[in-house]
């Protein structure tokens, strides 16, 4: 396993992180015992960063993760969770809800303190409130000893700058924007590096767009993007390769990203991901796939409040 220092936090995190959304059944039903074994396999193979949220599976992900972490030495993992999103359309960025949320998460996770507490999906909130109320509430959580560092997450990278120009954070988490089909986060990396901010890159397979299985029915990607990703998957299959493996290798290889987060509740898939992530990628295959995806490069989708979309 490769490890990197998470910005100015000083935390040493694995370059491949474990995404807790899978424990909540984000990509289909799960076997709880397999999910628990997945966490143990990840830890045993050197993954030490675990990211979750109360939103995943309507608190199920945190509950299952808490069972998995019971009896595991606290120094074996770096734990991140979130506040402010609790359902598909259930958001609350108020200070009062933040204070209750962290206590609920700590109880489910079975810990006294998380390493990183994050505002979940900032595009769904009013940026002024996030800056003036939500993030200060997170710093009070930090002062109370319930979290060590403060972060923000979201789909649209440009919002990170809007927030960080006004208030300091320790970490950001972007998803679907540093992958084979979309590198919008890359434009912000110099700014984040200057701020010494820790960077999590989630969904390197673009929530299964970049895979043989294809995206789930709920995926918000436009038709043109779905079609080009399907062509890229077929291109890889015809050459005895796998688009998902290439996508994972591509994202993990980004040197300025501290951890790439992948979710699975399958222990065998955890082991396969680790093997795949650190194999050298095929430059000719990469060139061919990027050419296929070029017509839809950085094509994304709307999310959150209208004023928060690019």
C-alpha atoms as a PDB file:
ATOM      1  CA  UNK A   1       0.000   0.000   0.000  1.00  0.00           C
ATOM      2  CA  UNK A   2       1.106   3.525  -0.781  1.00  0.00           C
ATOM      3  CA  UNK A   3       0.565   6.238   1.831  1.00  0.00           C
ATOM      4  CA  UNK A   4       0.407  10.014   1.543  1.00  0.00           C
ATOM      5  CA  UNK A   5       0.265  12.843   4.072  1.00  0.00           C
ATOM      6  CA  UNK A   6      -3.174  14.447   4.053  1.00  0.00           C
ATOM      7  CA  UNK A   7      -2.300  18.086   3.488  1.00  0.00           C
ATOM      8  CA  UNK A   8      -1.569  20.108   6.594  1.00  0.00           C
ATOM      9  CA  UNK A   9      -3.345  17.622   8.875  1.00  0.00           C
ATOM     10  CA  UNK A  10      -0.274  15.424   9.171  1.00  0.00           C
ATOM     11  CA  UNK A  11      -2.461  12.313   8.905  1.00  0.00           C
ATOM     12  CA  UNK A  12      -0.918   9.463   6.909  1.00  0.00           C
ATOM     13  CA  UNK A  13      -3.625   8.010   4.702  1.00  0.00           C
ATOM     14  CA  UNK A  14      -3.657   5.135   2.237  1.00  0.00           C
ATOM     15  CA  UNK A  15      -3.684   6.154  -1.419  1.00  0.00           C
ATOM     16  CA  UNK A  16      -6.683   3.869  -1.790  1.00  0.00           C
ATOM     17  CA  UNK A  17      -9.516   4.544   0.645  1.00  0.00           C
ATOM     18  CA  UNK A  18     -12.576   2.521   1.648  1.00  0.00           C
ATOM     19  CA  UNK A  19     -15.903   4.142   0.732  1.00  0.00           C
ATOM     20  CA  UNK A  20     -18.711   3.459   3.162  1.00  0.00           C
ATOM     21  CA  UNK A  21     -21.585   4.104   0.750  1.00  0.00           C
ATOM     22  CA  UNK A  22     -21.446   0.452  -0.270  1.00  0.00           C
ATOM     23  CA  UNK A  23     -22.226  -0.601   3.308  1.00  0.00           C
ATOM     24  CA  UNK A  24     -25.487   1.284   2.986  1.00  0.00           C
ATOM     25  CA  UNK A  25     -26.464  -0.523  -0.188  1.00  0.00           C
ATOM     26  CA  UNK A  26     -25.860   2.364  -2.595  1.00  0.00           C
ATOM     27  CA  UNK A  27     -25.247  -0.037  -5.477  1.00  0.00           C
ATOM     28  CA  UNK A  28     -27.688  -2.772  -4.443  1.00  0.00           C
ATOM     29  CA  UNK A  29     -28.529  -4.904  -1.426  1.00  0.00           C
ATOM     30  CA  UNK A  30     -25.693  -6.141   0.737  1.00  0.00           C
ATOM     31  CA  UNK A  31     -24.948  -9.051   2.997  1.00  0.00           C
ATOM     32  CA  UNK A  32     -24.051  -7.395   6.297  1.00  0.00           C
ATOM     33  CA  UNK A  33     -21.498 -10.027   7.254  1.00  0.00           C
ATOM     34  CA  UNK A  34     -19.779  -9.702   3.878  1.00  0.00           C
ATOM     35  CA  UNK A  35     -19.749  -5.953   4.356  1.00  0.00           C
ATOM     36  CA  UNK A  36     -18.085  -6.339   7.744  1.00  0.00           C
ATOM     37  CA  UNK A  37     -15.514  -8.732   6.275  1.00  0.00           C
ATOM     38  CA  UNK A  38     -14.846  -6.198   3.522  1.00  0.00           C
ATOM     39  CA  UNK A  39     -13.821  -3.631   6.123  1.00  0.00           C
ATOM     40  CA  UNK A  40     -11.544  -6.145   7.853  1.00  0.00           C
ATOM     41  CA  UNK A  41      -9.939  -7.199   4.572  1.00  0.00           C
ATOM     42  CA  UNK A  42      -9.338  -3.564   3.678  1.00  0.00           C
ATOM     43  CA  UNK A  43      -7.650  -2.904   7.014  1.00  0.00           C
ATOM     44  CA  UNK A  44      -5.588  -6.086   6.830  1.00  0.00           C
ATOM     45  CA  UNK A  45      -4.378  -5.164   3.328  1.00  0.00           C
ATOM     46  CA  UNK A  46      -3.226  -1.719   4.405  1.00  0.00           C
ATOM     47  CA  UNK A  47      -6.184   0.547   3.631  1.00  0.00           C
ATOM     48  CA  UNK A  48      -6.489   2.845   6.620  1.00  0.00           C
ATOM     49  CA  UNK A  49      -8.821   5.593   5.368  1.00  0.00           C
ATOM     50  CA  UNK A  50     -12.542   4.928   5.770  1.00  0.00           C
ATOM     51  CA  UNK A  51     -15.107   7.476   4.624  1.00  0.00           C
ATOM     52  CA  UNK A  52     -18.814   7.253   5.411  1.00  0.00           C
ATOM     53  CA  UNK A  53     -21.917   9.381   6.068  1.00  0.00           C
ATOM     54  CA  UNK A  54     -25.310   9.162   7.796  1.00  0.00           C
ATOM     55  CA  UNK A  55     -26.935   9.607   4.354  1.00  0.00           C
ATOM     56  CA  UNK A  56     -25.603   6.286   3.071  1.00  0.00           C
ATOM     57  CA  UNK A  57     -28.385   3.751   3.473  1.00  0.00           C
ATOM     58  CA  UNK A  58     -30.287   6.086   5.828  1.00  0.00           C
ATOM     59  CA  UNK A  59     -27.672   5.523   8.608  1.00  0.00           C
ATOM     60  CA  UNK A  60     -27.189   1.822   7.775  1.00  0.00           C
ATOM     61  CA  UNK A  61     -23.644   2.365   6.469  1.00  0.00           C
ATOM     62  CA  UNK A  62     -22.493   3.956   9.730  1.00  0.00           C
ATOM     63  CA  UNK A  63     -24.254   1.246  11.729  1.00  0.00           C
ATOM     64  CA  UNK A  64     -22.615  -1.615   9.815  1.00  0.00           C
ATOM     65  CA  UNK A  65     -19.256   0.140   9.907  1.00  0.00           C
ATOM     66  CA  UNK A  66     -19.578   0.541  13.670  1.00  0.00           C
ATOM     67  CA  UNK A  67     -20.044  -3.218  13.978  1.00  0.00           C
ATOM     68  CA  UNK A  68     -17.022  -3.812  11.750  1.00  0.00           C
ATOM     69  CA  UNK A  69     -14.801  -1.496  13.781  1.00  0.00           C
ATOM     70  CA  UNK A  70     -15.765  -2.949  17.148  1.00  0.00           C
ATOM     71  CA  UNK A  71     -12.620  -4.276  18.765  1.00  0.00           C
ATOM     72  CA  UNK A  72     -10.323  -2.789  16.104  1.00  0.00           C
ATOM     73  CA  UNK A  73      -7.534  -0.658  17.553  1.00  0.00           C
ATOM     74  CA  UNK A  74      -8.338   3.022  16.917  1.00  0.00           C
ATOM     75  CA  UNK A  75      -4.851   3.735  15.592  1.00  0.00           C
ATOM     76  CA  UNK A  76      -5.406   1.344  12.664  1.00  0.00           C
ATOM     77  CA  UNK A  77      -7.792   3.625  10.773  1.00  0.00           C
ATOM     78  CA  UNK A  78      -8.475   7.225   9.811  1.00  0.00           C
ATOM     79  CA  UNK A  79     -12.230   7.795   9.979  1.00  0.00           C
ATOM     80  CA  UNK A  80     -14.243  10.449   8.156  1.00  0.00           C
ATOM     81  CA  UNK A  81     -17.977  11.061   8.220  1.00  0.00           C
ATOM     82  CA  UNK A  82     -20.348  13.872   7.323  1.00  0.00           C
ATOM     83  CA  UNK A  83     -23.208  16.114   8.385  1.00  0.00           C
ATOM     84  CA  UNK A  84     -26.059  18.004   6.694  1.00  0.00           C
ATOM     85  CA  UNK A  85     -27.378  15.371   4.258  1.00  0.00           C
ATOM     86  CA  UNK A  86     -29.726  12.680   5.533  1.00  0.00           C
ATOM     87  CA  UNK A  87     -31.810  11.636   2.519  1.00  0.00           C
ATOM     88  CA  UNK A  88     -32.206  12.184  -1.210  1.00  0.00           C
ATOM     89  CA  UNK A  89     -33.969  15.487  -0.510  1.00  0.00           C
ATOM     90  CA  UNK A  90     -33.298  15.837   3.208  1.00  0.00           C
ATOM     91  CA  UNK A  91     -30.729  18.538   3.960  1.00  0.00           C
ATOM     92  CA  UNK A  92     -30.137  20.586   7.086  1.00  0.00           C
ATOM     93  CA  UNK A  93     -27.088  22.839   7.295  1.00  0.00           C
ATOM     94  CA  UNK A  94     -28.093  24.476  10.578  1.00  0.00           C
ATOM     95  CA  UNK A  95     -25.721  24.545  13.528  1.00  0.00           C
ATOM     96  CA  UNK A  96     -28.238  22.791  15.761  1.00  0.00           C
ATOM     97  CA  UNK A  97     -28.658  19.843  13.415  1.00  0.00           C
ATOM     98  CA  UNK A  98     -24.880  19.611  12.937  1.00  0.00           C
ATOM     99  CA  UNK A  99     -24.393  19.318  16.698  1.00  0.00           C
ATOM    100  CA  UNK A 100     -26.967  16.513  16.948  1.00  0.00           C
ATOM    101  CA  UNK A 101     -25.679  14.776  13.844  1.00  0.00           C
ATOM    102  CA  UNK A 102     -22.145  14.259  15.081  1.00  0.00           C
ATOM    103  CA  UNK A 103     -23.367  12.737  18.347  1.00  0.00           C
ATOM    104  CA  UNK A 104     -25.633  10.360  16.435  1.00  0.00           C
ATOM    105  CA  UNK A 105     -22.775   9.351  14.123  1.00  0.00           C
ATOM    106  CA  UNK A 106     -20.344   8.767  16.977  1.00  0.00           C
ATOM    107  CA  UNK A 107     -22.895   6.502  18.665  1.00  0.00           C
ATOM    108  CA  UNK A 108     -23.455   4.466  15.496  1.00  0.00           C
ATOM    109  CA  UNK A 109     -19.739   4.229  14.754  1.00  0.00           C
ATOM    110  CA  UNK A 110     -18.826   3.322  18.322  1.00  0.00           C
ATOM    111  CA  UNK A 111     -16.060   5.912  18.628  1.00  0.00           C
ATOM    112  CA  UNK A 112     -15.486   9.037  20.694  1.00  0.00           C
ATOM    113  CA  UNK A 113     -13.952  11.074  17.873  1.00  0.00           C
ATOM    114  CA  UNK A 114     -13.760  11.031  14.083  1.00  0.00           C
ATOM    115  CA  UNK A 115     -10.647  12.206  12.298  1.00  0.00           C
ATOM    116  CA  UNK A 116     -12.488  14.319   9.720  1.00  0.00           C
ATOM    117  CA  UNK A 117     -15.989  15.772   9.887  1.00  0.00           C
ATOM    118  CA  UNK A 118     -17.293  17.040   6.546  1.00  0.00           C
ATOM    119  CA  UNK A 119     -20.198  19.097   5.234  1.00  0.00           C
ATOM    120  CA  UNK A 120     -21.958  16.734   2.832  1.00  0.00           C
ATOM    121  CA  UNK A 121     -22.718  17.942  -0.717  1.00  0.00           C
ATOM    122  CA  UNK A 122     -22.322  21.686  -0.301  1.00  0.00           C
ATOM    123  CA  UNK A 123     -24.049  22.342  -3.639  1.00  0.00           C
ATOM    124  CA  UNK A 124     -27.381  21.677  -1.911  1.00  0.00           C
ATOM    125  CA  UNK A 125     -26.844  24.423   0.647  1.00  0.00           C
ATOM    126  CA  UNK A 126     -26.670  28.182   0.594  1.00  0.00           C
ATOM    127  CA  UNK A 127     -22.946  28.992   0.482  1.00  0.00           C
ATOM    128  CA  UNK A 128     -23.390  31.922   2.869  1.00  0.00           C
ATOM    129  CA  UNK A 129     -24.952  29.642   5.501  1.00  0.00           C
ATOM    130  CA  UNK A 130     -22.275  26.989   5.017  1.00  0.00           C
ATOM    131  CA  UNK A 131     -19.528  29.573   5.515  1.00  0.00           C
ATOM    132  CA  UNK A 132     -21.140  31.496   8.370  1.00  0.00           C
ATOM    133  CA  UNK A 133     -23.003  28.743  10.259  1.00  0.00           C
ATOM    134  CA  UNK A 134     -22.238  25.164   9.213  1.00  0.00           C
ATOM    135  CA  UNK A 135     -18.445  25.242   9.160  1.00  0.00           C
ATOM    136  CA  UNK A 136     -18.182  27.259  12.409  1.00  0.00           C
ATOM    137  CA  UNK A 137     -20.389  24.561  13.965  1.00  0.00           C
ATOM    138  CA  UNK A 138     -17.897  21.953  12.801  1.00  0.00           C
ATOM    139  CA  UNK A 139     -15.077  23.868  14.443  1.00  0.00           C
ATOM    140  CA  UNK A 140     -17.027  23.808  17.706  1.00  0.00           C
ATOM    141  CA  UNK A 141     -17.253  20.027  17.276  1.00  0.00           C
ATOM    142  CA  UNK A 142     -13.479  20.004  16.856  1.00  0.00           C
ATOM    143  CA  UNK A 143     -13.016  22.131  19.977  1.00  0.00           C
ATOM    144  CA  UNK A 144     -15.215  19.671  21.885  1.00  0.00           C
ATOM    145  CA  UNK A 145     -12.861  16.842  20.927  1.00  0.00           C
ATOM    146  CA  UNK A 146     -15.382  15.022  18.734  1.00  0.00           C
ATOM    147  CA  UNK A 147     -13.433  15.547  15.486  1.00  0.00           C
ATOM    148  CA  UNK A 148      -9.851  16.373  14.623  1.00  0.00           C
ATOM    149  CA  UNK A 149     -10.257  18.146  11.286  1.00  0.00           C
ATOM    150  CA  UNK A 150     -12.923  19.907   9.239  1.00  0.00           C
ATOM    151  CA  UNK A 151     -13.793  19.341   5.585  1.00  0.00           C
ATOM    152  CA  UNK A 152     -16.313  19.882   2.809  1.00  0.00           C
ATOM    153  CA  UNK A 153     -17.602  17.627   0.034  1.00  0.00           C
ATOM    154  CA  UNK A 154     -19.468  18.182  -3.193  1.00  0.00           C
ATOM    155  CA  UNK A 155     -19.888  17.489  -6.871  1.00  0.00           C
ATOM    156  CA  UNK A 156     -18.924  20.899  -8.280  1.00  0.00           C
ATOM    157  CA  UNK A 157     -15.224  21.743  -7.750  1.00  0.00           C
ATOM    158  CA  UNK A 158     -15.711  25.485  -8.287  1.00  0.00           C
ATOM    159  CA  UNK A 159     -17.673  25.668  -5.022  1.00  0.00           C
ATOM    160  CA  UNK A 160     -14.631  24.618  -3.026  1.00  0.00           C
ATOM    161  CA  UNK A 161     -12.930  27.860  -3.969  1.00  0.00           C
ATOM    162  CA  UNK A 162     -16.044  29.878  -3.141  1.00  0.00           C
ATOM    163  CA  UNK A 163     -16.039  28.431   0.359  1.00  0.00           C
ATOM    164  CA  UNK A 164     -12.281  28.414   0.946  1.00  0.00           C
ATOM    165  CA  UNK A 165     -11.827  32.018  -0.147  1.00  0.00           C
ATOM    166  CA  UNK A 166     -13.949  32.899   2.890  1.00  0.00           C
ATOM    167  CA  UNK A 167     -13.213  30.275   5.533  1.00  0.00           C
ATOM    168  CA  UNK A 168     -10.447  27.772   6.252  1.00  0.00           C
ATOM    169  CA  UNK A 169     -10.978  24.024   5.966  1.00  0.00           C
ATOM    170  CA  UNK A 170      -8.549  21.129   6.301  1.00  0.00           C
ATOM    171  CA  UNK A 171      -9.908  18.792   3.636  1.00  0.00           C
ATOM    172  CA  UNK A 172     -12.103  18.552   0.549  1.00  0.00           C
ATOM    173  CA  UNK A 173     -13.780  15.586  -1.076  1.00  0.00           C
ATOM    174  CA  UNK A 174     -14.672  15.686  -4.754  1.00  0.00           C
ATOM    175  CA  UNK A 175     -16.409  12.939  -6.706  1.00  0.00           C
ATOM    176  CA  UNK A 176     -16.648  12.090 -10.410  1.00  0.00           C
ATOM    177  CA  UNK A 177     -14.310  14.949 -11.355  1.00  0.00           C
ATOM    178  CA  UNK A 178     -10.882  13.334 -11.507  1.00  0.00           C
ATOM    179  CA  UNK A 179     -11.517  10.306 -13.668  1.00  0.00           C
ATOM    180  CA  UNK A 180     -10.940   9.166 -17.243  1.00  0.00           C
ATOM    181  CA  UNK A 181     -13.973  11.060 -18.498  1.00  0.00           C
ATOM    182  CA  UNK A 182     -13.779  14.165 -16.330  1.00  0.00           C
ATOM    183  CA  UNK A 183     -10.759  16.009 -14.931  1.00  0.00           C
ATOM    184  CA  UNK A 184     -12.424  19.234 -13.800  1.00  0.00           C
ATOM    185  CA  UNK A 185     -10.860  18.896 -10.338  1.00  0.00           C
ATOM    186  CA  UNK A 186      -7.380  19.067 -11.869  1.00  0.00           C
ATOM    187  CA  UNK A 187      -7.814  22.788 -12.589  1.00  0.00           C
ATOM    188  CA  UNK A 188      -8.303  23.414  -8.870  1.00  0.00           C
ATOM    189  CA  UNK A 189      -5.381  21.308  -7.654  1.00  0.00           C
ATOM    190  CA  UNK A 190      -2.806  24.176  -7.644  1.00  0.00           C
ATOM    191  CA  UNK A 191      -5.170  26.241  -5.469  1.00  0.00           C
ATOM    192  CA  UNK A 192      -5.767  23.331  -3.093  1.00  0.00           C
ATOM    193  CA  UNK A 193      -2.075  22.561  -2.931  1.00  0.00           C
ATOM    194  CA  UNK A 194      -1.309  26.188  -2.053  1.00  0.00           C
ATOM    195  CA  UNK A 195      -3.880  25.976   0.746  1.00  0.00           C
ATOM    196  CA  UNK A 196      -2.286  22.678   1.945  1.00  0.00           C
ATOM    197  CA  UNK A 197      -5.685  21.050   1.914  1.00  0.00           C
ATOM    198  CA  UNK A 198      -6.172  17.298   2.110  1.00  0.00           C
ATOM    199  CA  UNK A 199      -7.844  15.878  -1.002  1.00  0.00           C
ATOM    200  CA  UNK A 200     -10.119  12.856  -1.283  1.00  0.00           C
ATOM    201  CA  UNK A 201     -11.092  11.848  -4.823  1.00  0.00           C
ATOM    202  CA  UNK A 202     -14.209   9.687  -4.772  1.00  0.00           C
ATOM    203  CA  UNK A 203     -15.924   7.643  -7.466  1.00  0.00           C
ATOM    204  CA  UNK A 204     -12.952   7.065  -9.809  1.00  0.00           C
ATOM    205  CA  UNK A 205     -15.259   4.800 -11.843  1.00  0.00           C
ATOM    206  CA  UNK A 206     -17.742   7.704 -12.037  1.00  0.00           C
ATOM    207  CA  UNK A 207     -20.327   5.718 -10.060  1.00  0.00           C
ATOM    208  CA  UNK A 208     -19.959   2.727 -12.420  1.00  0.00           C
ATOM    209  CA  UNK A 209     -20.075   4.707 -15.679  1.00  0.00           C
ATOM    210  CA  UNK A 210     -16.522   3.498 -16.252  1.00  0.00           C
ATOM    211  CA  UNK A 211     -17.208  -0.200 -15.860  1.00  0.00           C
ATOM    212  CA  UNK A 212     -18.438  -3.246 -17.742  1.00  0.00           C
ATOM    213  CA  UNK A 213     -21.560  -3.376 -15.593  1.00  0.00           C
ATOM    214  CA  UNK A 214     -22.530   0.153 -16.508  1.00  0.00           C
ATOM    215  CA  UNK A 215     -24.250   2.718 -14.292  1.00  0.00           C
ATOM    216  CA  UNK A 216     -27.209   1.981 -12.005  1.00  0.00           C
ATOM    217  CA  UNK A 217     -30.650   3.165 -13.087  1.00  0.00           C
ATOM    218  CA  UNK A 218     -30.519   6.188 -10.794  1.00  0.00           C
ATOM    219  CA  UNK A 219     -27.305   7.547 -12.312  1.00  0.00           C
ATOM    220  CA  UNK A 220     -27.794  11.186 -13.397  1.00  0.00           C
ATOM    221  CA  UNK A 221     -25.348  11.109 -16.337  1.00  0.00           C
ATOM    222  CA  UNK A 222     -26.696  12.403 -19.661  1.00  0.00           C
ATOM    223  CA  UNK A 223     -27.243   9.901 -22.468  1.00  0.00           C
ATOM    224  CA  UNK A 224     -24.244  11.043 -24.495  1.00  0.00           C
ATOM    225  CA  UNK A 225     -21.896  10.370 -21.584  1.00  0.00           C
ATOM    226  CA  UNK A 226     -23.420   6.960 -20.899  1.00  0.00           C
ATOM    227  CA  UNK A 227     -23.040   6.001 -24.548  1.00  0.00           C
ATOM    228  CA  UNK A 228     -19.363   6.998 -24.846  1.00  0.00           C
ATOM    229  CA  UNK A 229     -18.499   5.194 -21.600  1.00  0.00           C
ATOM    230  CA  UNK A 230     -20.209   2.060 -22.934  1.00  0.00           C
ATOM    231  CA  UNK A 231     -18.108   2.336 -26.108  1.00  0.00           C
ATOM    232  CA  UNK A 232     -14.960   2.676 -23.992  1.00  0.00           C
ATOM    233  CA  UNK A 233     -15.921  -0.430 -21.997  1.00  0.00           C
ATOM    234  CA  UNK A 234     -16.400  -2.410 -25.195  1.00  0.00           C
ATOM    235  CA  UNK A 235     -13.068  -1.123 -26.545  1.00  0.00           C
ATOM    236  CA  UNK A 236     -11.326  -2.464 -23.441  1.00  0.00           C
ATOM    237  CA  UNK A 237     -13.109  -5.818 -23.554  1.00  0.00           C
ATOM    238  CA  UNK A 238     -12.090  -6.324 -27.177  1.00  0.00           C
ATOM    239  CA  UNK A 239      -8.480  -5.977 -26.060  1.00  0.00           C
ATOM    240  CA  UNK A 240      -8.782  -8.305 -23.106  1.00  0.00           C
ATOM    241  CA  UNK A 241      -8.732  -5.391 -20.690  1.00  0.00           C
ATOM    242  CA  UNK A 242     -11.166  -3.903 -18.174  1.00  0.00           C
ATOM    243  CA  UNK A 243     -12.283  -0.261 -18.195  1.00  0.00           C
ATOM    244  CA  UNK A 244     -12.879  -0.210 -14.444  1.00  0.00           C
ATOM    245  CA  UNK A 245      -9.347  -1.371 -13.739  1.00  0.00           C
ATOM    246  CA  UNK A 246      -7.902   1.299 -16.023  1.00  0.00           C
ATOM    247  CA  UNK A 247     -10.095   3.976 -14.434  1.00  0.00           C
ATOM    248  CA  UNK A 248      -8.952   3.023 -10.945  1.00  0.00           C
ATOM    249  CA  UNK A 249      -5.295   2.981 -11.964  1.00  0.00           C
ATOM    250  CA  UNK A 250      -5.642   6.384 -13.621  1.00  0.00           C
ATOM    251  CA  UNK A 251      -7.132   8.066 -10.561  1.00  0.00           C
ATOM    252  CA  UNK A 252      -4.823   6.482  -7.984  1.00  0.00           C
ATOM    253  CA  UNK A 253      -1.811   7.565 -10.053  1.00  0.00           C
ATOM    254  CA  UNK A 254      -2.648  11.277  -9.614  1.00  0.00           C
ATOM    255  CA  UNK A 255       0.206  12.479  -7.366  1.00  0.00           C
ATOM    256  CA  UNK A 256      -1.534  15.531  -5.879  1.00  0.00           C
ATOM    257  CA  UNK A 257      -4.562  13.571  -4.655  1.00  0.00           C
ATOM    258  CA  UNK A 258      -4.002  12.064  -1.231  1.00  0.00           C
ATOM    259  CA  UNK A 259      -6.552   9.260  -1.374  1.00  0.00           C
ATOM    260  CA  UNK A 260      -8.866   7.803  -3.995  1.00  0.00           C
ATOM    261  CA  UNK A 261     -11.975   6.372  -2.362  1.00  0.00           C
ATOM    262  CA  UNK A 262     -13.707   3.272  -3.707  1.00  0.00           C
ATOM    263  CA  UNK A 263     -16.712   1.566  -2.167  1.00  0.00           C
ATOM    264  CA  UNK A 264     -17.502  -2.149  -2.170  1.00  0.00           C
ATOM    265  CA  UNK A 265     -19.157  -4.506   0.265  1.00  0.00           C
ATOM    266  CA  UNK A 266     -17.504  -7.553  -1.323  1.00  0.00           C
ATOM    267  CA  UNK A 267     -14.277  -8.784   0.356  1.00  0.00           C
ATOM    268  CA  UNK A 268     -13.000 -10.319  -2.889  1.00  0.00           C
ATOM    269  CA  UNK A 269     -13.595  -7.042  -4.707  1.00  0.00           C
ATOM    270  CA  UNK A 270     -11.608  -5.192  -2.038  1.00  0.00           C
ATOM    271  CA  UNK A 271      -8.621  -7.432  -2.681  1.00  0.00           C
ATOM    272  CA  UNK A 272      -9.033  -7.093  -6.446  1.00  0.00           C
ATOM    273  CA  UNK A 273      -9.211  -3.307  -6.201  1.00  0.00           C
ATOM    274  CA  UNK A 274      -5.950  -3.216  -4.271  1.00  0.00           C
ATOM    275  CA  UNK A 275      -4.226  -5.429  -6.836  1.00  0.00           C
ATOM    276  CA  UNK A 276      -5.633  -3.425  -9.742  1.00  0.00           C
ATOM    277  CA  UNK A 277      -4.903   0.010  -8.303  1.00  0.00           C
ATOM    278  CA  UNK A 278      -1.162  -0.392  -8.121  1.00  0.00           C
ATOM    279  CA  UNK A 279      -0.493  -2.269 -11.341  1.00  0.00           C
ATOM    280  CA  UNK A 280       1.133  -0.135 -14.068  1.00  0.00           C
ATOM    281  CA  UNK A 281      -1.488   1.128 -16.464  1.00  0.00           C
ATOM    282  CA  UNK A 282      -1.246   0.400 -20.190  1.00  0.00           C
ATOM    283  CA  UNK A 283      -0.399   3.696 -21.955  1.00  0.00           C
ATOM    284  CA  UNK A 284      -1.716   2.547 -25.326  1.00  0.00           C
ATOM    285  CA  UNK A 285      -4.989   1.408 -23.805  1.00  0.00           C
ATOM    286  CA  UNK A 286      -5.250   4.703 -21.929  1.00  0.00           C
ATOM    287  CA  UNK A 287      -4.657   6.665 -25.123  1.00  0.00           C
ATOM    288  CA  UNK A 288      -7.402   4.775 -26.922  1.00  0.00           C
ATOM    289  CA  UNK A 289      -9.923   5.212 -24.114  1.00  0.00           C
ATOM    290  CA  UNK A 290      -9.206   8.924 -23.741  1.00  0.00           C
ATOM    291  CA  UNK A 291      -9.760   9.360 -27.474  1.00  0.00           C
ATOM    292  CA  UNK A 292     -13.154   7.661 -27.207  1.00  0.00           C
ATOM    293  CA  UNK A 293     -14.146   9.825 -24.251  1.00  0.00           C
ATOM    294  CA  UNK A 294     -12.833  13.099 -25.685  1.00  0.00           C
ATOM    295  CA  UNK A 295     -16.205  14.195 -27.173  1.00  0.00           C
ATOM    296  CA  UNK A 296     -17.767  14.071 -23.682  1.00  0.00           C
ATOM    297  CA  UNK A 297     -14.737  15.215 -21.666  1.00  0.00           C
ATOM    298  CA  UNK A 298     -15.881  17.082 -18.542  1.00  0.00           C
ATOM    299  CA  UNK A 299     -19.549  16.578 -19.463  1.00  0.00           C
ATOM    300  CA  UNK A 300     -21.331  16.388 -16.111  1.00  0.00           C
ATOM    301  CA  UNK A 301     -24.836  16.964 -14.759  1.00  0.00           C
ATOM    302  CA  UNK A 302     -26.723  19.453 -12.629  1.00  0.00           C
ATOM    303  CA  UNK A 303     -26.905  18.924  -8.891  1.00  0.00           C
ATOM    304  CA  UNK A 304     -27.997  21.070  -5.985  1.00  0.00           C
ATOM    305  CA  UNK A 305     -29.313  24.619  -5.948  1.00  0.00           C
ATOM    306  CA  UNK A 306     -29.480  26.327  -9.369  1.00  0.00           C
ATOM    307  CA  UNK A 307     -27.108  29.100  -8.333  1.00  0.00           C
ATOM    308  CA  UNK A 308     -24.492  26.559  -7.266  1.00  0.00           C
ATOM    309  CA  UNK A 309     -24.230  24.857 -10.651  1.00  0.00           C
ATOM    310  CA  UNK A 310     -21.440  25.889 -13.054  1.00  0.00           C
END
